[in-house]
Amino acid sequence: MARIWLLAATLICVGTLAQAQSVCHQRAEFITELGKKYREAPVAYGLTSAGKVIEVLTSGTGSWTMIVTSTDGTSCAVAAGESWAKVPIIVSTAPNYIF
C-alpha cells in the first residue's frame, strides 16, 4: 500500500517537474540542509525502474520534500509542501481501494 501511495505521489509530481526548474545538490548536502532548515528527515524511499532512488523527507510539523537521487549521488527536489500525514498501514486479505 505504501508503494502505491509513493507511486501516486511521484506521478503527480512529474507534471510539476516539466513546469519548474529542479533544485539539485549532492544528496548529503540536501539531507543536511533540509534537516537544518526544516527539521526534515528521510521517512520513505524506493528504487525507480531507471535505477534512481526517490525519497520522502518529513518533519514533525508536517512539511515534506521529495527528492530523486541519481547513481552519481546528485539529488534533485521534485516536490515540497506542507500538511504531510502518515497513513496507517492496514493489512487485509481484501483489496483496498482509494476511492
PDB file of N, CA and C in Angstrom:
ATOM      1  N   MET A   1       0.820  -1.189   0.000  1.00  0.00           N
ATOM      2  CA  MET A   1       0.000   0.000   0.000  1.00  0.00           C
ATOM      3  C   MET A   1       0.867   1.258   0.000  1.00  0.00           C
ATOM      4  N   ALA A   2       1.939   1.247   0.804  1.00  0.00           N
ATOM      5  CA  ALA A   2       2.833   2.400   0.839  1.00  0.00           C
ATOM      6  C   ALA A   2       3.442   2.639  -0.541  1.00  0.00           C
ATOM      7  N   ARG A   3       3.733   1.552  -1.250  1.00  0.00           N
ATOM      8  CA  ARG A   3       4.301   1.671  -2.596  1.00  0.00           C
ATOM      9  C   ARG A   3       3.315   2.365  -3.533  1.00  0.00           C
ATOM     10  N   ILE A   4       2.041   2.047  -3.402  1.00  0.00           N
ATOM     11  CA  ILE A   4       1.012   2.669  -4.247  1.00  0.00           C
ATOM     12  C   ILE A   4       0.937   4.161  -3.975  1.00  0.00           C
ATOM     13  N   TRP A   5       0.953   4.535  -2.697  1.00  0.00           N
ATOM     14  CA  TRP A   5       0.903   5.965  -2.353  1.00  0.00           C
ATOM     15  C   TRP A   5       2.118   6.703  -2.880  1.00  0.00           C
ATOM     16  N   LEU A   6       3.298   6.105  -2.731  1.00  0.00           N
ATOM     17  CA  LEU A   6       4.516   6.740  -3.212  1.00  0.00           C
ATOM     18  C   LEU A   6       4.491   6.871  -4.731  1.00  0.00           C
ATOM     19  N   LEU A   7       4.020   5.852  -5.419  1.00  0.00           N
ATOM     20  CA  LEU A   7       3.910   5.914  -6.870  1.00  0.00           C
ATOM     21  C   LEU A   7       2.928   7.003  -7.289  1.00  0.00           C
ATOM     22  N   ALA A   8       1.794   7.084  -6.616  1.00  0.00           N
ATOM     23  CA  ALA A   8       0.806   8.118  -6.933  1.00  0.00           C
ATOM     24  C   ALA A   8       1.391   9.504  -6.725  1.00  0.00           C
ATOM     25  N   ALA A   9       2.100   9.690  -5.622  1.00  0.00           N
ATOM     26  CA  ALA A   9       2.714  10.990  -5.344  1.00  0.00           C
ATOM     27  C   ALA A   9       3.751  11.333  -6.404  1.00  0.00           C
ATOM     28  N   THR A  10       4.521  10.343  -6.824  1.00  0.00           N
ATOM     29  CA  THR A  10       5.533  10.564  -7.855  1.00  0.00           C
ATOM     30  C   THR A  10       4.895  10.979  -9.172  1.00  0.00           C
ATOM     31  N   LEU A  11       3.845  10.293  -9.568  1.00  0.00           N
ATOM     32  CA  LEU A  11       3.184  10.620 -10.830  1.00  0.00           C
ATOM     33  C   LEU A  11       2.590  12.029 -10.806  1.00  0.00           C
ATOM     34  N   ILE A  12       2.061  12.426  -9.675  1.00  0.00           N
ATOM     35  CA  ILE A  12       1.519  13.777  -9.545  1.00  0.00           C
ATOM     36  C   ILE A  12       2.625  14.806  -9.665  1.00  0.00           C
ATOM     37  N   CYS A  13       3.770  14.495  -9.078  1.00  0.00           N
ATOM     38  CA  CYS A  13       4.886  15.442  -9.065  1.00  0.00           C
ATOM     39  C   CYS A  13       5.581  15.562 -10.413  1.00  0.00           C
ATOM     40  N   VAL A  14       5.513  14.545 -11.239  1.00  0.00           N
ATOM     41  CA  VAL A  14       6.185  14.579 -12.526  1.00  0.00           C
ATOM     42  C   VAL A  14       5.669  15.732 -13.383  1.00  0.00           C
ATOM     43  N   GLY A  15       4.384  16.021 -13.322  1.00  0.00           N
ATOM     44  CA  GLY A  15       3.832  17.148 -14.053  1.00  0.00           C
ATOM     45  C   GLY A  15       4.423  18.468 -13.592  1.00  0.00           C
ATOM     46  N   THR A  16       4.729  18.577 -12.324  1.00  0.00           N
ATOM     47  CA  THR A  16       5.328  19.783 -11.780  1.00  0.00           C
ATOM     48  C   THR A  16       6.733  19.974 -12.313  1.00  0.00           C
ATOM     49  N   LEU A  17       7.476  18.891 -12.508  1.00  0.00           N
ATOM     50  CA  LEU A  17       8.844  18.983 -12.984  1.00  0.00           C
ATOM     51  C   LEU A  17       8.939  19.632 -14.355  1.00  0.00           C
ATOM     52  N   ALA A  18       7.997  19.375 -15.206  1.00  0.00           N
ATOM     53  CA  ALA A  18       8.037  19.927 -16.555  1.00  0.00           C
ATOM     54  C   ALA A  18       7.863  21.435 -16.538  1.00  0.00           C
ATOM     55  N   GLN A  19       7.233  21.971 -15.506  1.00  0.00           N
ATOM     56  CA  GLN A  19       6.947  23.393 -15.444  1.00  0.00           C
ATOM     57  C   GLN A  19       7.942  24.181 -14.609  1.00  0.00           C
ATOM     58  N   ALA A  20       8.713  23.533 -13.758  1.00  0.00           N
ATOM     59  CA  ALA A  20       9.605  24.233 -12.851  1.00  0.00           C
ATOM     60  C   ALA A  20      11.021  23.689 -12.979  1.00  0.00           C
ATOM     61  N   GLN A  21      11.992  24.568 -12.697  1.00  0.00           N
ATOM     62  CA  GLN A  21      13.367  24.120 -12.693  1.00  0.00           C
ATOM     63  C   GLN A  21      13.623  23.308 -11.436  1.00  0.00           C
ATOM     64  N   SER A  22      14.402  22.257 -11.569  1.00  0.00           N
ATOM     65  CA  SER A  22      14.743  21.438 -10.414  1.00  0.00           C
ATOM     66  C   SER A  22      15.898  22.068  -9.653  1.00  0.00           C
ATOM     67  N   VAL A  23      15.885  21.877  -8.343  1.00  0.00           N
ATOM     68  CA  VAL A  23      16.991  22.275  -7.489  1.00  0.00           C
ATOM     69  C   VAL A  23      17.782  21.014  -7.214  1.00  0.00           C
ATOM     70  N   CYS A  24      19.056  20.988  -7.586  1.00  0.00           N
ATOM     71  CA  CYS A  24      19.868  19.787  -7.440  1.00  0.00           C
ATOM     72  C   CYS A  24      21.143  20.073  -6.649  1.00  0.00           C
ATOM     73  N   HIS A  25      21.523  19.133  -5.796  1.00  0.00           N
ATOM     74  CA  HIS A  25      22.741  19.178  -4.990  1.00  0.00           C
ATOM     75  C   HIS A  25      23.176  17.748  -4.724  1.00  0.00           C
ATOM     76  N   GLN A  26      24.326  17.578  -4.138  1.00  0.00           N
ATOM     77  CA  GLN A  26      24.735  16.262  -3.669  1.00  0.00           C
ATOM     78  C   GLN A  26      23.785  15.840  -2.555  1.00  0.00           C
ATOM     79  N   ARG A  27      23.459  14.549  -2.468  1.00  0.00           N
ATOM     80  CA  ARG A  27      22.473  14.060  -1.508  1.00  0.00           C
ATOM     81  C   ARG A  27      22.809  14.468  -0.082  1.00  0.00           C
ATOM     82  N   ALA A  28      24.050  14.309   0.330  1.00  0.00           N
ATOM     83  CA  ALA A  28      24.447  14.639   1.702  1.00  0.00           C
ATOM     84  C   ALA A  28      24.148  16.099   2.022  1.00  0.00           C
ATOM     85  N   GLU A  29      24.396  16.977   1.051  1.00  0.00           N
ATOM     86  CA  GLU A  29      24.119  18.405   1.246  1.00  0.00           C
ATOM     87  C   GLU A  29      22.617  18.650   1.381  1.00  0.00           C
ATOM     88  N   PHE A  30      21.824  17.991   0.544  1.00  0.00           N
ATOM     89  CA  PHE A  30      20.364  18.120   0.609  1.00  0.00           C
ATOM     90  C   PHE A  30      19.842  17.694   1.979  1.00  0.00           C
ATOM     91  N   ILE A  31      20.258  16.507   2.422  1.00  0.00           N
ATOM     92  CA  ILE A  31      19.785  15.965   3.695  1.00  0.00           C
ATOM     93  C   ILE A  31      20.164  16.893   4.848  1.00  0.00           C
ATOM     94  N   THR A  32      21.402  17.388   4.832  1.00  0.00           N
ATOM     95  CA  THR A  32      21.865  18.291   5.891  1.00  0.00           C
ATOM     96  C   THR A  32      21.065  19.582   5.905  1.00  0.00           C
ATOM     97  N   GLU A  33      20.897  20.199   4.751  1.00  0.00           N
ATOM     98  CA  GLU A  33      20.188  21.479   4.682  1.00  0.00           C
ATOM     99  C   GLU A  33      18.707  21.351   5.036  1.00  0.00           C
ATOM    100  N   LEU A  34      18.053  20.292   4.543  1.00  0.00           N
ATOM    101  CA  LEU A  34      16.640  20.101   4.880  1.00  0.00           C
ATOM    102  C   LEU A  34      16.472  19.814   6.373  1.00  0.00           C
ATOM    103  N   GLY A  35      17.445  19.143   6.956  1.00  0.00           N
ATOM    104  CA  GLY A  35      17.419  18.886   8.389  1.00  0.00           C
ATOM    105  C   GLY A  35      17.574  20.166   9.192  1.00  0.00           C
ATOM    106  N   LYS A  36      18.521  21.004   8.783  1.00  0.00           N
ATOM    107  CA  LYS A  36      18.771  22.265   9.498  1.00  0.00           C
ATOM    108  C   LYS A  36      17.630  23.260   9.316  1.00  0.00           C
ATOM    109  N   LYS A  37      17.221  23.451   8.079  1.00  0.00           N
ATOM    110  CA  LYS A  37      16.243  24.500   7.774  1.00  0.00           C
ATOM    111  C   LYS A  37      14.810  24.123   8.137  1.00  0.00           C
ATOM    112  N   TYR A  38      14.419  22.873   7.870  1.00  0.00           N
ATOM    113  CA  TYR A  38      13.022  22.472   8.066  1.00  0.00           C
ATOM    114  C   TYR A  38      12.842  21.338   9.074  1.00  0.00           C
ATOM    115  N   ARG A  39      13.944  20.818   9.615  1.00  0.00           N
ATOM    116  CA  ARG A  39      13.921  19.674  10.530  1.00  0.00           C
ATOM    117  C   ARG A  39      13.296  18.438   9.873  1.00  0.00           C
ATOM    118  N   GLU A  40      13.550  18.316   8.561  1.00  0.00           N
ATOM    119  CA  GLU A  40      13.051  17.155   7.821  1.00  0.00           C
ATOM    120  C   GLU A  40      14.094  16.048   7.819  1.00  0.00           C
ATOM    121  N   ALA A  41      13.596  14.824   7.848  1.00  0.00           N
ATOM    122  CA  ALA A  41      14.454  13.641   7.807  1.00  0.00           C
ATOM    123  C   ALA A  41      13.789  12.605   6.910  1.00  0.00           C
ATOM    124  N   PRO A  42      14.578  11.716   6.292  1.00  0.00           N
ATOM    125  CA  PRO A  42      14.007  10.685   5.422  1.00  0.00           C
ATOM    126  C   PRO A  42      13.061   9.758   6.185  1.00  0.00           C
ATOM    127  N   VAL A  43      11.891   9.485   5.572  1.00  0.00           N
ATOM    128  CA  VAL A  43      10.915   8.565   6.173  1.00  0.00           C
ATOM    129  C   VAL A  43      10.510   7.454   5.211  1.00  0.00           C
ATOM    130  N   ALA A  44      10.789   7.614   3.924  1.00  0.00           N
ATOM    131  CA  ALA A  44      10.418   6.593   2.942  1.00  0.00           C
ATOM    132  C   ALA A  44      11.337   6.716   1.731  1.00  0.00           C
ATOM    133  N   TYR A  45      11.568   5.592   1.086  1.00  0.00           N
ATOM    134  CA  TYR A  45      12.356   5.610  -0.139  1.00  0.00           C
ATOM    135  C   TYR A  45      11.963   4.433  -1.015  1.00  0.00           C
ATOM    136  N   GLY A  46      12.315   4.543  -2.282  1.00  0.00           N
ATOM    137  CA  GLY A  46      12.056   3.465  -3.219  1.00  0.00           C
ATOM    138  C   GLY A  46      12.988   3.572  -4.404  1.00  0.00           C
ATOM    139  N   LEU A  47      13.172   2.468  -5.082  1.00  0.00           N
ATOM    140  CA  LEU A  47      14.032   2.415  -6.254  1.00  0.00           C
ATOM    141  C   LEU A  47      13.167   2.481  -7.502  1.00  0.00           C
ATOM    142  N   THR A  48      13.492   3.405  -8.404  1.00  0.00           N
ATOM    143  CA  THR A  48      12.725   3.536  -9.637  1.00  0.00           C
ATOM    144  C   THR A  48      13.210   2.520 -10.659  1.00  0.00           C
ATOM    145  N   SER A  49      12.423   2.325 -11.706  1.00  0.00           N
ATOM    146  CA  SER A  49      12.814   1.399 -12.774  1.00  0.00           C
ATOM    147  C   SER A  49      14.050   1.900 -13.517  1.00  0.00           C
ATOM    148  N   ALA A  50      14.359   3.198 -13.405  1.00  0.00           N
ATOM    149  CA  ALA A  50      15.537   3.773 -14.053  1.00  0.00           C
ATOM    150  C   ALA A  50      16.781   3.676 -13.161  1.00  0.00           C
ATOM    151  N   GLY A  51      16.644   3.064 -11.978  1.00  0.00           N
ATOM    152  CA  GLY A  51      17.789   2.898 -11.094  1.00  0.00           C
ATOM    153  C   GLY A  51      18.061   4.083 -10.193  1.00  0.00           C
ATOM    154  N   LYS A  52      17.128   5.014 -10.103  1.00  0.00           N
ATOM    155  CA  LYS A  52      17.277   6.169  -9.213  1.00  0.00           C
ATOM    156  C   LYS A  52      16.529   5.888  -7.915  1.00  0.00           C
ATOM    157  N   VAL A  53      16.910   6.588  -6.867  1.00  0.00           N
ATOM    158  CA  VAL A  53      16.248   6.442  -5.573  1.00  0.00           C
ATOM    159  C   VAL A  53      15.376   7.663  -5.338  1.00  0.00           C
ATOM    160  N   ILE A  54      14.118   7.426  -5.024  1.00  0.00           N
ATOM    161  CA  ILE A  54      13.205   8.519  -4.683  1.00  0.00           C
ATOM    162  C   ILE A  54      13.001   8.468  -3.176  1.00  0.00           C
ATOM    163  N   GLU A  55      13.090   9.628  -2.513  1.00  0.00           N
ATOM    164  CA  GLU A  55      12.958   9.690  -1.061  1.00  0.00           C
ATOM    165  C   GLU A  55      11.952  10.760  -0.662  1.00  0.00           C
ATOM    166  N   VAL A  56      11.280  10.500   0.425  1.00  0.00           N
ATOM    167  CA  VAL A  56      10.393  11.495   1.038  1.00  0.00           C
ATOM    168  C   VAL A  56      10.996  11.835   2.391  1.00  0.00           C
ATOM    169  N   LEU A  57      11.164  13.135   2.639  1.00  0.00           N
ATOM    170  CA  LEU A  57      11.635  13.626   3.921  1.00  0.00           C
ATOM    171  C   LEU A  57      10.505  14.420   4.552  1.00  0.00           C
ATOM    172  N   THR A  58      10.270  14.217   5.837  1.00  0.00           N
ATOM    173  CA  THR A  58       9.209  14.953   6.518  1.00  0.00           C
ATOM    174  C   THR A  58       9.708  15.482   7.850  1.00  0.00           C
ATOM    175  N   SER A  59       8.930  16.425   8.388  1.00  0.00           N
ATOM    176  CA  SER A  59       9.218  16.972   9.711  1.00  0.00           C
ATOM    177  C   SER A  59       8.045  16.673  10.628  1.00  0.00           C
ATOM    178  N   GLY A  60       8.221  16.924  11.894  1.00  0.00           N
ATOM    179  CA  GLY A  60       7.147  16.747  12.857  1.00  0.00           C
ATOM    180  C   GLY A  60       6.047  17.774  12.718  1.00  0.00           C
ATOM    181  N   THR A  61       6.309  18.848  11.967  1.00  0.00           N
ATOM    182  CA  THR A  61       5.309  19.910  11.785  1.00  0.00           C
ATOM    183  C   THR A  61       4.516  19.747  10.499  1.00  0.00           C
ATOM    184  N   GLY A  62       4.829  18.710   9.712  1.00  0.00           N
ATOM    185  CA  GLY A  62       4.055  18.437   8.502  1.00  0.00           C
ATOM    186  C   GLY A  62       4.689  18.884   7.202  1.00  0.00           C
ATOM    187  N   SER A  63       5.843  19.578   7.243  1.00  0.00           N
ATOM    188  CA  SER A  63       6.494  19.936   5.978  1.00  0.00           C
ATOM    189  C   SER A  63       7.107  18.681   5.374  1.00  0.00           C
ATOM    190  N   TRP A  64       7.235  18.660   4.056  1.00  0.00           N
ATOM    191  CA  TRP A  64       7.793  17.491   3.378  1.00  0.00           C
ATOM    192  C   TRP A  64       8.492  17.904   2.095  1.00  0.00           C
ATOM    193  N   THR A  65       9.453  17.078   1.695  1.00  0.00           N
ATOM    194  CA  THR A  65      10.189  17.268   0.452  1.00  0.00           C
ATOM    195  C   THR A  65      10.403  15.906  -0.171  1.00  0.00           C
ATOM    196  N   MET A  66      10.268  15.831  -1.493  1.00  0.00           N
ATOM    197  CA  MET A  66      10.532  14.605  -2.230  1.00  0.00           C
ATOM    198  C   MET A  66      11.748  14.862  -3.118  1.00  0.00           C
ATOM    199  N   ILE A  67      12.754  13.992  -3.020  1.00  0.00           N
ATOM    200  CA  ILE A  67      13.955  14.128  -3.842  1.00  0.00           C
ATOM    201  C   ILE A  67      14.195  12.841  -4.622  1.00  0.00           C
ATOM    202  N   VAL A  68      14.881  12.976  -5.756  1.00  0.00           N
ATOM    203  CA  VAL A  68      15.288  11.832  -6.570  1.00  0.00           C
ATOM    204  C   VAL A  68      16.806  11.883  -6.671  1.00  0.00           C
ATOM    205  N   THR A  69      17.464  10.766  -6.344  1.00  0.00           N
ATOM    206  CA  THR A  69      18.923  10.711  -6.352  1.00  0.00           C
ATOM    207  C   THR A  69      19.401   9.780  -7.460  1.00  0.00           C
ATOM    208  N   SER A  70      20.325  10.294  -8.274  1.00  0.00           N
ATOM    209  CA  SER A  70      20.929   9.511  -9.359  1.00  0.00           C
ATOM    210  C   SER A  70      22.083   8.681  -8.812  1.00  0.00           C
ATOM    211  N   THR A  71      22.598   7.786  -9.629  1.00  0.00           N
ATOM    212  CA  THR A  71      23.689   6.909  -9.207  1.00  0.00           C
ATOM    213  C   THR A  71      24.975   7.672  -8.903  1.00  0.00           C
ATOM    214  N   ASP A  72      25.107   8.896  -9.426  1.00  0.00           N
ATOM    215  CA  ASP A  72      26.303   9.694  -9.139  1.00  0.00           C
ATOM    216  C   ASP A  72      26.192  10.466  -7.828  1.00  0.00           C
ATOM    217  N   GLY A  73      25.071  10.313  -7.102  1.00  0.00           N
ATOM    218  CA  GLY A  73      24.896  10.979  -5.814  1.00  0.00           C
ATOM    219  C   GLY A  73      24.222  12.329  -5.885  1.00  0.00           C
ATOM    220  N   THR A  74      23.865  12.765  -7.093  1.00  0.00           N
ATOM    221  CA  THR A  74      23.173  14.041  -7.251  1.00  0.00           C
ATOM    222  C   THR A  74      21.687  13.852  -6.967  1.00  0.00           C
ATOM    223  N   SER A  75      21.161  14.690  -6.081  1.00  0.00           N
ATOM    224  CA  SER A  75      19.739  14.646  -5.735  1.00  0.00           C
ATOM    225  C   SER A  75      19.061  15.900  -6.251  1.00  0.00           C
ATOM    226  N   CYS A  76      17.842  15.741  -6.752  1.00  0.00           N
ATOM    227  CA  CYS A  76      17.053  16.862  -7.231  1.00  0.00           C
ATOM    228  C   CYS A  76      15.697  16.849  -6.525  1.00  0.00           C
ATOM    229  N   ALA A  77      15.262  18.016  -6.087  1.00  0.00           N
ATOM    230  CA  ALA A  77      13.943  18.136  -5.463  1.00  0.00           C
ATOM    231  C   ALA A  77      12.898  18.046  -6.559  1.00  0.00           C
ATOM    232  N   VAL A  78      11.879  17.220  -6.341  1.00  0.00           N
ATOM    233  CA  VAL A  78      10.807  17.108  -7.324  1.00  0.00           C
ATOM    234  C   VAL A  78       9.510  17.717  -6.812  1.00  0.00           C
ATOM    235  N   ALA A  79       9.384  17.840  -5.487  1.00  0.00           N
ATOM    236  CA  ALA A  79       8.180  18.457  -4.921  1.00  0.00           C
ATOM    237  C   ALA A  79       8.431  18.737  -3.446  1.00  0.00           C
ATOM    238  N   ALA A  80       7.667  19.679  -2.915  1.00  0.00           N
ATOM    239  CA  ALA A  80       7.734  20.002  -1.488  1.00  0.00           C
ATOM    240  C   ALA A  80       6.403  20.606  -1.088  1.00  0.00           C
ATOM    241  N   GLY A  81       6.093  20.528   0.190  1.00  0.00           N
ATOM    242  CA  GLY A  81       4.831  21.099   0.628  1.00  0.00           C
ATOM    243  C   GLY A  81       4.644  21.010   2.124  1.00  0.00           C
ATOM    244  N   GLU A  82       3.396  21.139   2.519  1.00  0.00           N
ATOM    245  CA  GLU A  82       3.020  21.115   3.926  1.00  0.00           C
ATOM    246  C   GLU A  82       1.898  20.114   4.146  1.00  0.00           C
ATOM    247  N   SER A  83       1.580  19.889   5.382  1.00  0.00           N
ATOM    248  CA  SER A  83       0.465  19.030   5.799  1.00  0.00           C
ATOM    249  C   SER A  83       0.671  17.567   5.437  1.00  0.00           C
ATOM    250  N   TRP A  84       1.901  17.072   5.563  1.00  0.00           N
ATOM    251  CA  TRP A  84       2.159  15.652   5.347  1.00  0.00           C
ATOM    252  C   TRP A  84       1.505  14.870   6.474  1.00  0.00           C
ATOM    253  N   ALA A  85       0.844  13.797   6.144  1.00  0.00           N
ATOM    254  CA  ALA A  85       0.226  12.931   7.150  1.00  0.00           C
ATOM    255  C   ALA A  85       0.555  11.492   6.816  1.00  0.00           C
ATOM    256  N   LYS A  86       0.933  10.736   7.810  1.00  0.00           N
ATOM    257  CA  LYS A  86       1.245   9.326   7.632  1.00  0.00           C
ATOM    258  C   LYS A  86      -0.060   8.534   7.642  1.00  0.00           C
ATOM    259  N   VAL A  87      -0.233   7.704   6.636  1.00  0.00           N
ATOM    260  CA  VAL A  87      -1.428   6.874   6.528  1.00  0.00           C
ATOM    261  C   VAL A  87      -1.127   5.533   7.194  1.00  0.00           C
ATOM    262  N   PRO A  88      -1.969   5.098   8.103  1.00  0.00           N
ATOM    263  CA  PRO A  88      -1.698   3.814   8.748  1.00  0.00           C
ATOM    264  C   PRO A  88      -1.801   2.667   7.740  1.00  0.00           C
ATOM    265  N   ILE A  89      -0.924   1.701   7.902  1.00  0.00           N
ATOM    266  CA  ILE A  89      -0.936   0.530   7.024  1.00  0.00           C
ATOM    267  C   ILE A  89      -1.914  -0.477   7.601  1.00  0.00           C
ATOM    268  N   ILE A  90      -2.867  -0.885   6.792  1.00  0.00           N
ATOM    269  CA  ILE A  90      -3.870  -1.853   7.201  1.00  0.00           C
ATOM    270  C   ILE A  90      -3.633  -3.129   6.407  1.00  0.00           C
ATOM    271  N   VAL A  91      -3.341  -4.204   7.112  1.00  0.00           N
ATOM    272  CA  VAL A  91      -3.109  -5.483   6.459  1.00  0.00           C
ATOM    273  C   VAL A  91      -4.450  -6.200   6.352  1.00  0.00           C
ATOM    274  N   SER A  92      -4.811  -6.512   5.119  1.00  0.00           N
ATOM    275  CA  SER A  92      -6.094  -7.137   4.879  1.00  0.00           C
ATOM    276  C   SER A  92      -5.972  -8.094   3.702  1.00  0.00           C
ATOM    277  N   THR A  93      -6.819  -9.098   3.666  1.00  0.00           N
ATOM    278  CA  THR A  93      -6.819 -10.007   2.539  1.00  0.00           C
ATOM    279  C   THR A  93      -7.711  -9.471   1.417  1.00  0.00           C
ATOM    280  N   ALA A  94      -8.608  -8.552   1.761  1.00  0.00           N
ATOM    281  CA  ALA A  94      -9.490  -7.955   0.754  1.00  0.00           C
ATOM    282  C   ALA A  94      -8.757  -6.807   0.075  1.00  0.00           C
ATOM    283  N   PRO A  95      -9.032  -6.540  -1.198  1.00  0.00           N
ATOM    284  CA  PRO A  95      -8.377  -5.424  -1.885  1.00  0.00           C
ATOM    285  C   PRO A  95      -8.784  -4.092  -1.267  1.00  0.00           C
ATOM    286  N   ASN A  96      -7.820  -3.184  -1.182  1.00  0.00           N
ATOM    287  CA  ASN A  96      -8.093  -1.839  -0.677  1.00  0.00           C
ATOM    288  C   ASN A  96      -8.228  -0.891  -1.854  1.00  0.00           C
ATOM    289  N   TYR A  97      -9.257  -0.093  -1.851  1.00  0.00           N
ATOM    290  CA  TYR A  97      -9.489   0.876  -2.917  1.00  0.00           C
ATOM    291  C   TYR A  97      -9.424   2.267  -2.328  1.00  0.00           C
ATOM    292  N   ILE A  98      -8.749   3.159  -3.050  1.00  0.00           N
ATOM    293  CA  ILE A  98      -8.611   4.531  -2.585  1.00  0.00           C
ATOM    294  C   ILE A  98      -9.951   5.257  -2.687  1.00  0.00           C
ATOM    295  N   PHE A  99     -10.673   5.016  -3.766  1.00  0.00           N
ATOM    296  CA  PHE A  99     -11.929   5.732  -3.976  1.00  0.00           C
ATOM    297  C   PHE A  99     -13.083   4.766  -4.015  1.00  0.00           C
TER     298      PHE A  99
END
